[in-house]
PDB file of all heavy atoms in Angstrom:
ATOM      1  N   SER A   1      15.468 -82.720  11.314  1.00  0.00           N
ATOM      2  CA  SER A   1      16.060 -84.041  11.556  1.00  0.00           C
ATOM      3  C   SER A   1      17.474 -83.906  12.098  1.00  0.00           C
ATOM      4  O   SER A   1      17.874 -84.632  13.010  1.00  0.00           O
ATOM      5  CB  SER A   1      16.095 -84.868  10.272  1.00  0.00           C
ATOM      6  OG  SER A   1      14.809 -85.220   9.876  1.00  0.00           O
ATOM      7  N   SER A   2      18.224 -82.977  11.541  1.00  0.00           N
ATOM      8  CA  SER A   2      19.593 -82.762  11.981  1.00  0.00           C
ATOM      9  C   SER A   2      19.623 -82.309  13.440  1.00  0.00           C
ATOM     10  O   SER A   2      20.438 -82.793  14.230  1.00  0.00           O
ATOM     11  CB  SER A   2      20.267 -81.725  11.084  1.00  0.00           C
ATOM     12  OG  SER A   2      21.619 -81.565  11.427  1.00  0.00           O
ATOM     13  N   ASP A   3      18.727 -81.412  13.794  1.00  0.00           N
ATOM     14  CA  ASP A   3      18.649 -80.959  15.190  1.00  0.00           C
ATOM     15  C   ASP A   3      18.285 -82.113  16.123  1.00  0.00           C
ATOM     16  O   ASP A   3      18.809 -82.207  17.224  1.00  0.00           O
ATOM     17  CB  ASP A   3      17.617 -79.845  15.347  1.00  0.00           C
ATOM     18  CG  ASP A   3      18.136 -78.496  14.873  1.00  0.00           C
ATOM     19  OD1 ASP A   3      19.333 -78.403  14.521  1.00  0.00           O
ATOM     20  OD2 ASP A   3      17.346 -77.536  14.855  1.00  0.00           O
ATOM     21  N   ALA A   4      17.388 -82.976  15.663  1.00  0.00           N
ATOM     22  CA  ALA A   4      16.967 -84.123  16.477  1.00  0.00           C
ATOM     23  C   ALA A   4      18.038 -85.208  16.507  1.00  0.00           C
ATOM     24  O   ALA A   4      18.054 -86.049  17.409  1.00  0.00           O
ATOM     25  CB  ALA A   4      15.655 -84.697  15.939  1.00  0.00           C
ATOM     26  N   GLY A   5      18.924 -85.195  15.516  1.00  0.00           N
ATOM     27  CA  GLY A   5      19.984 -86.197  15.445  1.00  0.00           C
ATOM     28  C   GLY A   5      19.502 -87.559  15.007  1.00  0.00           C
ATOM     29  O   GLY A   5      20.196 -88.555  15.187  1.00  0.00           O
ATOM     30  N   LYS A   6      18.314 -87.616  14.431  1.00  0.00           N
ATOM     31  CA  LYS A   6      17.792 -88.895  13.965  1.00  0.00           C
ATOM     32  C   LYS A   6      16.790 -88.666  12.844  1.00  0.00           C
ATOM     33  O   LYS A   6      16.245 -87.576  12.679  1.00  0.00           O
ATOM     34  CB  LYS A   6      17.126 -89.658  15.096  1.00  0.00           C
ATOM     35  CG  LYS A   6      15.938 -88.929  15.694  1.00  0.00           C
ATOM     36  CD  LYS A   6      15.342 -89.700  16.846  1.00  0.00           C
ATOM     37  CE  LYS A   6      14.157 -88.914  17.409  1.00  0.00           C
ATOM     38  NZ  LYS A   6      13.513 -89.610  18.484  1.00  0.00           N
ATOM     39  N   VAL A   7      16.560 -89.729  12.091  1.00  0.00           N
ATOM     40  CA  VAL A   7      15.580 -89.692  11.006  1.00  0.00           C
ATOM     41  C   VAL A   7      15.058 -91.118  10.825  1.00  0.00           C
ATOM     42  O   VAL A   7      15.807 -92.086  10.914  1.00  0.00           O
ATOM     43  CB  VAL A   7      16.205 -89.118   9.709  1.00  0.00           C
ATOM     44  CG1 VAL A   7      17.320 -89.989   9.190  1.00  0.00           C
ATOM     45  CG2 VAL A   7      15.161 -88.892   8.637  1.00  0.00           C
ATOM     46  N   SER A   8      13.772 -91.232  10.578  1.00  0.00           N
ATOM     47  CA  SER A   8      13.171 -92.552  10.383  1.00  0.00           C
ATOM     48  C   SER A   8      13.263 -92.953   8.912  1.00  0.00           C
ATOM     49  O   SER A   8      13.517 -92.122   8.035  1.00  0.00           O
ATOM     50  CB  SER A   8      11.702 -92.537  10.823  1.00  0.00           C
ATOM     51  OG  SER A   8      10.916 -91.809   9.897  1.00  0.00           O
ATOM     52  N   MET A   9      13.019 -94.210   8.665  1.00  0.00           N
ATOM     53  CA  MET A   9      13.010 -94.695   7.271  1.00  0.00           C
ATOM     54  C   MET A   9      11.889 -94.017   6.480  1.00  0.00           C
ATOM     55  O   MET A   9      12.070 -93.697   5.307  1.00  0.00           O
ATOM     56  CB  MET A   9      12.859 -96.217   7.235  1.00  0.00           C
ATOM     57  CG  MET A   9      14.055 -96.959   7.835  1.00  0.00           C
ATOM     58  SD  MET A   9      15.633 -96.490   7.084  1.00  0.00           S
ATOM     59  CE  MET A   9      15.485 -97.248   5.495  1.00  0.00           C
ATOM     60  N   ASP A  10      10.742 -93.786   7.109  1.00  0.00           N
ATOM     61  CA  ASP A  10       9.642 -93.091   6.432  1.00  0.00           C
ATOM     62  C   ASP A  10      10.042 -91.657   6.082  1.00  0.00           C
ATOM     63  O   ASP A  10       9.714 -91.147   5.008  1.00  0.00           O
ATOM     64  CB  ASP A  10       8.382 -93.077   7.294  1.00  0.00           C
ATOM     65  CG  ASP A  10       7.698 -94.429   7.364  1.00  0.00           C
ATOM     66  OD1 ASP A  10       7.958 -95.284   6.491  1.00  0.00           O
ATOM     67  OD2 ASP A  10       6.891 -94.632   8.293  1.00  0.00           O
ATOM     68  N   GLN A  11      10.749 -90.999   7.001  1.00  0.00           N
ATOM     69  CA  GLN A  11      11.194 -89.636   6.730  1.00  0.00           C
ATOM     70  C   GLN A  11      12.213 -89.617   5.592  1.00  0.00           C
ATOM     71  O   GLN A  11      12.171 -88.737   4.732  1.00  0.00           O
ATOM     72  CB  GLN A  11      11.769 -89.008   8.003  1.00  0.00           C
ATOM     73  CG  GLN A  11      10.700 -88.719   9.037  1.00  0.00           C
ATOM     74  CD  GLN A  11      11.261 -88.324  10.386  1.00  0.00           C
ATOM     75  OE1 GLN A  11      12.358 -88.732  10.768  1.00  0.00           O
ATOM     76  NE2 GLN A  11      10.499 -87.533  11.124  1.00  0.00           N
ATOM     77  N   LEU A  12      13.108 -90.596   5.566  1.00  0.00           N
ATOM     78  CA  LEU A  12      14.062 -90.690   4.450  1.00  0.00           C
ATOM     79  C   LEU A  12      13.336 -90.880   3.126  1.00  0.00           C
ATOM     80  O   LEU A  12      13.717 -90.296   2.107  1.00  0.00           O
ATOM     81  CB  LEU A  12      15.045 -91.843   4.679  1.00  0.00           C
ATOM     82  CG  LEU A  12      16.145 -91.600   5.703  1.00  0.00           C
ATOM     83  CD1 LEU A  12      16.942 -92.879   5.930  1.00  0.00           C
ATOM     84  CD2 LEU A  12      17.048 -90.458   5.265  1.00  0.00           C
ATOM     85  N   ALA A  13      12.283 -91.685   3.137  1.00  0.00           N
ATOM     86  CA  ALA A  13      11.486 -91.878   1.922  1.00  0.00           C
ATOM     87  C   ALA A  13      10.848 -90.555   1.505  1.00  0.00           C
ATOM     88  O   ALA A  13      10.772 -90.242   0.310  1.00  0.00           O
ATOM     89  CB  ALA A  13      10.427 -92.953   2.142  1.00  0.00           C
ATOM     90  N   GLY A  14      10.402 -89.767   2.475  1.00  0.00           N
ATOM     91  CA  GLY A  14       9.843 -88.443   2.171  1.00  0.00           C
ATOM     92  C   GLY A  14      10.882 -87.524   1.559  1.00  0.00           C
ATOM     93  O   GLY A  14      10.586 -86.769   0.617  1.00  0.00           O
ATOM     94  N   PHE A  15      12.113 -87.572   2.076  1.00  0.00           N
ATOM     95  CA  PHE A  15      13.196 -86.778   1.480  1.00  0.00           C
ATOM     96  C   PHE A  15      13.411 -87.184   0.028  1.00  0.00           C
ATOM     97  O   PHE A  15      13.541 -86.340  -0.853  1.00  0.00           O
ATOM     98  CB  PHE A  15      14.512 -86.983   2.243  1.00  0.00           C
ATOM     99  CG  PHE A  15      14.538 -86.451   3.651  1.00  0.00           C
ATOM    100  CD1 PHE A  15      15.561 -86.818   4.498  1.00  0.00           C
ATOM    101  CD2 PHE A  15      13.562 -85.598   4.139  1.00  0.00           C
ATOM    102  CE1 PHE A  15      15.622 -86.339   5.802  1.00  0.00           C
ATOM    103  CE2 PHE A  15      13.608 -85.118   5.433  1.00  0.00           C
ATOM    104  CZ  PHE A  15      14.637 -85.491   6.270  1.00  0.00           C
ATOM    105  N   ARG A  16      13.437 -88.492  -0.201  1.00  0.00           N
ATOM    106  CA  ARG A  16      13.673 -89.012  -1.557  1.00  0.00           C
ATOM    107  C   ARG A  16      12.570 -88.556  -2.510  1.00  0.00           C
ATOM    108  O   ARG A  16      12.845 -88.137  -3.633  1.00  0.00           O
ATOM    109  CB  ARG A  16      13.774 -90.532  -1.508  1.00  0.00           C
ATOM    110  CG  ARG A  16      14.171 -91.181  -2.792  1.00  0.00           C
ATOM    111  CD  ARG A  16      14.463 -92.679  -2.691  1.00  0.00           C
ATOM    112  NE  ARG A  16      13.694 -93.413  -1.689  1.00  0.00           N
ATOM    113  CZ  ARG A  16      14.158 -93.803  -0.495  1.00  0.00           C
ATOM    114  NH1 ARG A  16      15.399 -93.536  -0.144  1.00  0.00           N
ATOM    115  NH2 ARG A  16      13.399 -94.479   0.338  1.00  0.00           N
ATOM    116  N   GLU A  17      11.325 -88.607  -2.057  1.00  0.00           N
ATOM    117  CA  GLU A  17      10.212 -88.171  -2.916  1.00  0.00           C
ATOM    118  C   GLU A  17      10.303 -86.685  -3.228  1.00  0.00           C
ATOM    119  O   GLU A  17      10.039 -86.264  -4.361  1.00  0.00           O
ATOM    120  CB  GLU A  17       8.885 -88.515  -2.259  1.00  0.00           C
ATOM    121  CG  GLU A  17       8.603 -90.009  -2.257  1.00  0.00           C
ATOM    122  CD  GLU A  17       7.296 -90.361  -1.564  1.00  0.00           C
ATOM    123  OE1 GLU A  17       6.344 -89.564  -1.626  1.00  0.00           O
ATOM    124  OE2 GLU A  17       7.245 -91.443  -0.957  1.00  0.00           O
ATOM    125  N   ALA A  18      10.681 -85.879  -2.237  1.00  0.00           N
ATOM    126  CA  ALA A  18      10.830 -84.440  -2.480  1.00  0.00           C
ATOM    127  C   ALA A  18      11.942 -84.186  -3.493  1.00  0.00           C
ATOM    128  O   ALA A  18      11.784 -83.355  -4.397  1.00  0.00           O
ATOM    129  CB  ALA A  18      11.114 -83.715  -1.172  1.00  0.00           C
ATOM    130  N   LEU A  19      13.054 -84.897  -3.353  1.00  0.00           N
ATOM    131  CA  LEU A  19      14.156 -84.730  -4.312  1.00  0.00           C
ATOM    132  C   LEU A  19      13.746 -85.174  -5.716  1.00  0.00           C
ATOM    133  O   LEU A  19      14.132 -84.541  -6.705  1.00  0.00           O
ATOM    134  CB  LEU A  19      15.387 -85.504  -3.843  1.00  0.00           C
ATOM    135  CG  LEU A  19      16.089 -84.913  -2.618  1.00  0.00           C
ATOM    136  CD1 LEU A  19      17.167 -85.868  -2.114  1.00  0.00           C
ATOM    137  CD2 LEU A  19      16.677 -83.551  -2.936  1.00  0.00           C
ATOM    138  N   ASN A  20      12.966 -86.234  -5.804  1.00  0.00           N
ATOM    139  CA  ASN A  20      12.466 -86.660  -7.113  1.00  0.00           C
ATOM    140  C   ASN A  20      11.588 -85.584  -7.735  1.00  0.00           C
ATOM    141  O   ASN A  20      11.678 -85.318  -8.939  1.00  0.00           O
ATOM    142  CB  ASN A  20      11.698 -87.979  -7.000  1.00  0.00           C
ATOM    143  CG  ASN A  20      12.599 -89.171  -6.813  1.00  0.00           C
ATOM    144  OD1 ASN A  20      13.778 -89.127  -7.149  1.00  0.00           O
ATOM    145  ND2 ASN A  20      12.053 -90.240  -6.258  1.00  0.00           N
ATOM    146  N   ASP A  21      10.732 -84.965  -6.935  1.00  0.00           N
ATOM    147  CA  ASP A  21       9.910 -83.871  -7.453  1.00  0.00           C
ATOM    148  C   ASP A  21      10.781 -82.712  -7.926  1.00  0.00           C
ATOM    149  O   ASP A  21      10.518 -82.110  -8.970  1.00  0.00           O
ATOM    150  CB  ASP A  21       8.929 -83.367  -6.395  1.00  0.00           C
ATOM    151  CG  ASP A  21       7.670 -84.212  -6.300  1.00  0.00           C
ATOM    152  OD1 ASP A  21       7.499 -85.131  -7.122  1.00  0.00           O
ATOM    153  OD2 ASP A  21       6.845 -83.950  -5.402  1.00  0.00           O
ATOM    154  N   LEU A  22      11.810 -82.383  -7.143  1.00  0.00           N
ATOM    155  CA  LEU A  22      12.692 -81.275  -7.519  1.00  0.00           C
ATOM    156  C   LEU A  22      13.406 -81.527  -8.841  1.00  0.00           C
ATOM    157  O   LEU A  22      13.761 -80.583  -9.540  1.00  0.00           O
ATOM    158  CB  LEU A  22      13.714 -81.007  -6.417  1.00  0.00           C
ATOM    159  CG  LEU A  22      13.150 -80.342  -5.162  1.00  0.00           C
ATOM    160  CD1 LEU A  22      14.173 -80.358  -4.041  1.00  0.00           C
ATOM    161  CD2 LEU A  22      12.704 -78.918  -5.474  1.00  0.00           C
ATOM    162  N   ALA A  23      13.596 -82.777  -9.209  1.00  0.00           N
ATOM    163  CA  ALA A  23      14.249 -83.114 -10.474  1.00  0.00           C
ATOM    164  C   ALA A  23      13.322 -82.923 -11.673  1.00  0.00           C
ATOM    165  O   ALA A  23      13.782 -82.895 -12.815  1.00  0.00           O
ATOM    166  CB  ALA A  23      14.757 -84.549 -10.438  1.00  0.00           C
ATOM    167  N   SER A  24      12.047 -82.760 -11.411  1.00  0.00           N
ATOM    168  CA  SER A  24      11.075 -82.589 -12.489  1.00  0.00           C
ATOM    169  C   SER A  24      11.202 -81.196 -13.114  1.00  0.00           C
ATOM    170  O   SER A  24      11.395 -80.204 -12.413  1.00  0.00           O
ATOM    171  CB  SER A  24       9.659 -82.780 -11.932  1.00  0.00           C
ATOM    172  OG  SER A  24       8.711 -82.510 -12.925  1.00  0.00           O
ATOM    173  N   ASP A  25      11.072 -81.141 -14.427  1.00  0.00           N
ATOM    174  CA  ASP A  25      11.130 -79.851 -15.124  1.00  0.00           C
ATOM    175  C   ASP A  25       9.900 -79.001 -14.864  1.00  0.00           C
ATOM    176  O   ASP A  25       9.967 -77.779 -14.898  1.00  0.00           O
ATOM    177  CB  ASP A  25      11.269 -80.063 -16.638  1.00  0.00           C
ATOM    178  CG  ASP A  25      12.628 -80.592 -17.025  1.00  0.00           C
ATOM    179  OD1 ASP A  25      13.590 -80.389 -16.255  1.00  0.00           O
ATOM    180  OD2 ASP A  25      12.729 -81.222 -18.090  1.00  0.00           O
ATOM    181  N   SER A  26       8.789 -79.647 -14.608  1.00  0.00           N
ATOM    182  CA  SER A  26       7.524 -78.926 -14.494  1.00  0.00           C
ATOM    183  C   SER A  26       6.772 -79.391 -13.253  1.00  0.00           C
ATOM    184  O   SER A  26       6.501 -80.581 -13.096  1.00  0.00           O
ATOM    185  CB  SER A  26       6.710 -79.181 -15.763  1.00  0.00           C
ATOM    186  OG  SER A  26       5.366 -78.991 -15.562  1.00  0.00           O
ATOM    187  N   LEU A  27       6.475 -78.449 -12.369  1.00  0.00           N
ATOM    188  CA  LEU A  27       5.711 -78.745 -11.161  1.00  0.00           C
ATOM    189  C   LEU A  27       4.507 -77.809 -11.091  1.00  0.00           C
ATOM    190  O   LEU A  27       4.515 -76.735 -11.672  1.00  0.00           O
ATOM    191  CB  LEU A  27       6.582 -78.531  -9.913  1.00  0.00           C
ATOM    192  CG  LEU A  27       7.775 -79.456  -9.750  1.00  0.00           C
ATOM    193  CD1 LEU A  27       8.615 -79.019  -8.558  1.00  0.00           C
ATOM    194  CD2 LEU A  27       7.321 -80.897  -9.568  1.00  0.00           C
ATOM    195  N   VAL A  28       3.512 -78.236 -10.369  1.00  0.00           N
ATOM    196  CA  VAL A  28       2.322 -77.417 -10.146  1.00  0.00           C
ATOM    197  C   VAL A  28       2.095 -77.284  -8.646  1.00  0.00           C
ATOM    198  O   VAL A  28       2.741 -77.965  -7.835  1.00  0.00           O
ATOM    199  CB  VAL A  28       1.078 -78.016 -10.840  1.00  0.00           C
ATOM    200  CG1 VAL A  28       1.240 -78.014 -12.353  1.00  0.00           C
ATOM    201  CG2 VAL A  28       0.791 -79.411 -10.331  1.00  0.00           C
ATOM    202  N   LYS A  29       1.172 -76.440  -8.278  1.00  0.00           N
ATOM    203  CA  LYS A  29       0.864 -76.181  -6.878  1.00  0.00           C
ATOM    204  C   LYS A  29       0.583 -77.477  -6.111  1.00  0.00           C
ATOM    205  O   LYS A  29       1.018 -77.637  -4.968  1.00  0.00           O
ATOM    206  CB  LYS A  29      -0.332 -75.240  -6.793  1.00  0.00           C
ATOM    207  CG  LYS A  29      -0.732 -74.874  -5.391  1.00  0.00           C
ATOM    208  CD  LYS A  29      -1.914 -73.917  -5.405  1.00  0.00           C
ATOM    209  CE  LYS A  29      -2.351 -73.562  -3.999  1.00  0.00           C
ATOM    210  NZ  LYS A  29      -3.503 -72.665  -4.010  1.00  0.00           N
ATOM    211  N   ALA A  30      -0.118 -78.399  -6.738  1.00  0.00           N
ATOM    212  CA  ALA A  30      -0.476 -79.653  -6.068  1.00  0.00           C
ATOM    213  C   ALA A  30       0.767 -80.437  -5.638  1.00  0.00           C
ATOM    214  O   ALA A  30       0.766 -81.053  -4.571  1.00  0.00           O
ATOM    215  CB  ALA A  30      -1.350 -80.508  -6.979  1.00  0.00           C
ATOM    216  N   ASN A  31       1.829 -80.404  -6.437  1.00  0.00           N
ATOM    217  CA  ASN A  31       3.073 -81.084  -6.061  1.00  0.00           C
ATOM    218  C   ASN A  31       3.617 -80.533  -4.744  1.00  0.00           C
ATOM    219  O   ASN A  31       3.992 -81.290  -3.851  1.00  0.00           O
ATOM    220  CB  ASN A  31       4.146 -80.927  -7.138  1.00  0.00           C
ATOM    221  CG  ASN A  31       3.802 -81.582  -8.448  1.00  0.00           C
ATOM    222  OD1 ASN A  31       3.507 -80.880  -9.417  1.00  0.00           O
ATOM    223  ND2 ASN A  31       3.836 -82.888  -8.494  1.00  0.00           N
ATOM    224  N   ALA A  32       3.658 -79.214  -4.639  1.00  0.00           N
ATOM    225  CA  ALA A  32       4.177 -78.580  -3.426  1.00  0.00           C
ATOM    226  C   ALA A  32       3.280 -78.877  -2.233  1.00  0.00           C
ATOM    227  O   ALA A  32       3.776 -79.138  -1.135  1.00  0.00           O
ATOM    228  CB  ALA A  32       4.311 -77.071  -3.638  1.00  0.00           C
ATOM    229  N   GLU A  33       1.977 -78.851  -2.431  1.00  0.00           N
ATOM    230  CA  GLU A  33       1.048 -79.133  -1.336  1.00  0.00           C
ATOM    231  C   GLU A  33       1.200 -80.562  -0.824  1.00  0.00           C
ATOM    232  O   GLU A  33       1.152 -80.808   0.381  1.00  0.00           O
ATOM    233  CB  GLU A  33      -0.382 -78.872  -1.775  1.00  0.00           C
ATOM    234  CG  GLU A  33      -0.685 -77.392  -1.959  1.00  0.00           C
ATOM    235  CD  GLU A  33      -2.049 -77.129  -2.558  1.00  0.00           C
ATOM    236  OE1 GLU A  33      -2.678 -78.061  -3.107  1.00  0.00           O
ATOM    237  OE2 GLU A  33      -2.492 -75.969  -2.486  1.00  0.00           O
ATOM    238  N   VAL A  34       1.397 -81.499  -1.733  1.00  0.00           N
ATOM    239  CA  VAL A  34       1.566 -82.900  -1.347  1.00  0.00           C
ATOM    240  C   VAL A  34       2.847 -83.067  -0.528  1.00  0.00           C
ATOM    241  O   VAL A  34       2.850 -83.743   0.510  1.00  0.00           O
ATOM    242  CB  VAL A  34       1.571 -83.828  -2.584  1.00  0.00           C
ATOM    243  CG1 VAL A  34       2.075 -85.208  -2.240  1.00  0.00           C
ATOM    244  CG2 VAL A  34       0.179 -83.896  -3.190  1.00  0.00           C
ATOM    245  N   VAL A  35       3.933 -82.454  -0.966  1.00  0.00           N
ATOM    246  CA  VAL A  35       5.205 -82.572  -0.246  1.00  0.00           C
ATOM    247  C   VAL A  35       5.082 -81.960   1.142  1.00  0.00           C
ATOM    248  O   VAL A  35       5.481 -82.573   2.141  1.00  0.00           O
ATOM    249  CB  VAL A  35       6.360 -81.920  -1.042  1.00  0.00           C
ATOM    250  CG1 VAL A  35       7.618 -81.788  -0.186  1.00  0.00           C
ATOM    251  CG2 VAL A  35       6.657 -82.730  -2.292  1.00  0.00           C
ATOM    252  N   ARG A  36       4.519 -80.753   1.228  1.00  0.00           N
ATOM    253  CA  ARG A  36       4.365 -80.113   2.545  1.00  0.00           C
ATOM    254  C   ARG A  36       3.503 -80.964   3.467  1.00  0.00           C
ATOM    255  O   ARG A  36       3.843 -81.173   4.636  1.00  0.00           O
ATOM    256  CB  ARG A  36       3.772 -78.716   2.395  1.00  0.00           C
ATOM    257  CG  ARG A  36       4.779 -77.684   1.920  1.00  0.00           C
ATOM    258  CD  ARG A  36       4.261 -76.272   2.088  1.00  0.00           C
ATOM    259  NE  ARG A  36       2.985 -76.048   1.443  1.00  0.00           N
ATOM    260  CZ  ARG A  36       2.818 -75.560   0.230  1.00  0.00           C
ATOM    261  NH1 ARG A  36       3.860 -75.238  -0.494  1.00  0.00           N
ATOM    262  NH2 ARG A  36       1.611 -75.378  -0.269  1.00  0.00           N
ATOM    263  N   ALA A  37       2.382 -81.461   2.961  1.00  0.00           N
ATOM    264  CA  ALA A  37       1.480 -82.286   3.775  1.00  0.00           C
ATOM    265  C   ALA A  37       2.169 -83.571   4.217  1.00  0.00           C
ATOM    266  O   ALA A  37       1.992 -84.029   5.360  1.00  0.00           O
ATOM    267  CB  ALA A  37       0.208 -82.599   2.994  1.00  0.00           C
ATOM    268  N   GLN A  38       2.952 -84.161   3.334  1.00  0.00           N
ATOM    269  CA  GLN A  38       3.658 -85.396   3.681  1.00  0.00           C
ATOM    270  C   GLN A  38       4.661 -85.144   4.800  1.00  0.00           C
ATOM    271  O   GLN A  38       4.769 -85.933   5.736  1.00  0.00           O
ATOM    272  CB  GLN A  38       4.361 -85.981   2.472  1.00  0.00           C
ATOM    273  CG  GLN A  38       5.128 -87.241   2.805  1.00  0.00           C
ATOM    274  CD  GLN A  38       5.708 -87.914   1.580  1.00  0.00           C
ATOM    275  OE1 GLN A  38       5.399 -87.567   0.455  1.00  0.00           O
ATOM    276  NE2 GLN A  38       6.557 -88.877   1.803  1.00  0.00           N
ATOM    277  N   PHE A  39       5.404 -84.049   4.725  1.00  0.00           N
ATOM    278  CA  PHE A  39       6.372 -83.756   5.777  1.00  0.00           C
ATOM    279  C   PHE A  39       5.678 -83.527   7.123  1.00  0.00           C
ATOM    280  O   PHE A  39       6.170 -83.975   8.154  1.00  0.00           O
ATOM    281  CB  PHE A  39       7.267 -82.580   5.399  1.00  0.00           C
ATOM    282  CG  PHE A  39       8.371 -82.938   4.435  1.00  0.00           C
ATOM    283  CD1 PHE A  39       8.757 -82.053   3.448  1.00  0.00           C
ATOM    284  CD2 PHE A  39       9.032 -84.153   4.509  1.00  0.00           C
ATOM    285  CE1 PHE A  39       9.776 -82.366   2.557  1.00  0.00           C
ATOM    286  CE2 PHE A  39      10.052 -84.481   3.624  1.00  0.00           C
ATOM    287  CZ  PHE A  39      10.423 -83.587   2.651  1.00  0.00           C
ATOM    288  N   VAL A  40       4.544 -82.857   7.118  1.00  0.00           N
ATOM    289  CA  VAL A  40       3.789 -82.670   8.362  1.00  0.00           C
ATOM    290  C   VAL A  40       3.323 -84.026   8.885  1.00  0.00           C
ATOM    291  O   VAL A  40       3.439 -84.326  10.075  1.00  0.00           O
ATOM    292  CB  VAL A  40       2.611 -81.694   8.153  1.00  0.00           C
ATOM    293  CG1 VAL A  40       1.677 -81.707   9.356  1.00  0.00           C
ATOM    294  CG2 VAL A  40       3.130 -80.283   7.894  1.00  0.00           C
ATOM    295  N   ARG A  41       2.810 -84.874   7.999  1.00  0.00           N
ATOM    296  CA  ARG A  41       2.361 -86.212   8.396  1.00  0.00           C
ATOM    297  C   ARG A  41       3.517 -87.029   8.979  1.00  0.00           C
ATOM    298  O   ARG A  41       3.329 -87.852   9.882  1.00  0.00           O
ATOM    299  CB  ARG A  41       1.765 -86.942   7.188  1.00  0.00           C
ATOM    300  CG  ARG A  41       1.208 -88.332   7.510  1.00  0.00           C
ATOM    301  CD  ARG A  41       0.703 -89.064   6.274  1.00  0.00           C
ATOM    302  NE  ARG A  41       1.688 -89.220   5.224  1.00  0.00           N
ATOM    303  CZ  ARG A  41       2.681 -90.115   5.223  1.00  0.00           C
ATOM    304  NH1 ARG A  41       2.850 -90.921   6.240  1.00  0.00           N
ATOM    305  NH2 ARG A  41       3.527 -90.190   4.212  1.00  0.00           N
ATOM    306  N   LEU A  42       4.725 -86.782   8.496  1.00  0.00           N
ATOM    307  CA  LEU A  42       5.899 -87.504   8.976  1.00  0.00           C
ATOM    308  C   LEU A  42       6.468 -86.921  10.274  1.00  0.00           C
ATOM    309  O   LEU A  42       7.487 -87.384  10.771  1.00  0.00           O
ATOM    310  CB  LEU A  42       6.986 -87.530   7.897  1.00  0.00           C
ATOM    311  CG  LEU A  42       6.662 -88.385   6.675  1.00  0.00           C
ATOM    312  CD1 LEU A  42       7.679 -88.145   5.560  1.00  0.00           C
ATOM    313  CD2 LEU A  42       6.603 -89.862   7.053  1.00  0.00           C
ATOM    314  N   GLY A  43       5.811 -85.904  10.802  1.00  0.00           N
ATOM    315  CA  GLY A  43       6.199 -85.365  12.106  1.00  0.00           C
ATOM    316  C   GLY A  43       7.019 -84.093  12.088  1.00  0.00           C
ATOM    317  O   GLY A  43       7.478 -83.639  13.138  1.00  0.00           O
ATOM    318  N   PHE A  44       7.198 -83.497  10.928  1.00  0.00           N
ATOM    319  CA  PHE A  44       7.956 -82.254  10.857  1.00  0.00           C
ATOM    320  C   PHE A  44       7.026 -81.064  11.053  1.00  0.00           C
ATOM    321  O   PHE A  44       5.887 -81.085  10.624  1.00  0.00           O
ATOM    322  CB  PHE A  44       8.668 -82.131   9.504  1.00  0.00           C
ATOM    323  CG  PHE A  44       9.697 -83.200   9.281  1.00  0.00           C
ATOM    324  CD1 PHE A  44       9.496 -84.190   8.341  1.00  0.00           C
ATOM    325  CD2 PHE A  44      10.860 -83.225  10.026  1.00  0.00           C
ATOM    326  CE1 PHE A  44      10.430 -85.179   8.130  1.00  0.00           C
ATOM    327  CE2 PHE A  44      11.805 -84.221   9.826  1.00  0.00           C
ATOM    328  CZ  PHE A  44      11.600 -85.191   8.877  1.00  0.00           C
TER     329      PHE A  44
END
């Protein structure tokens, strides 16, 4: 996003969801897969 110099509202929401996951004490593989898939869906 920084290289592109822009970010969409959907992409910002994806950032927020990833940060919320990172705040969790306990994560599983499925959490990481969902975040990666979401970022790809958002165009990254």
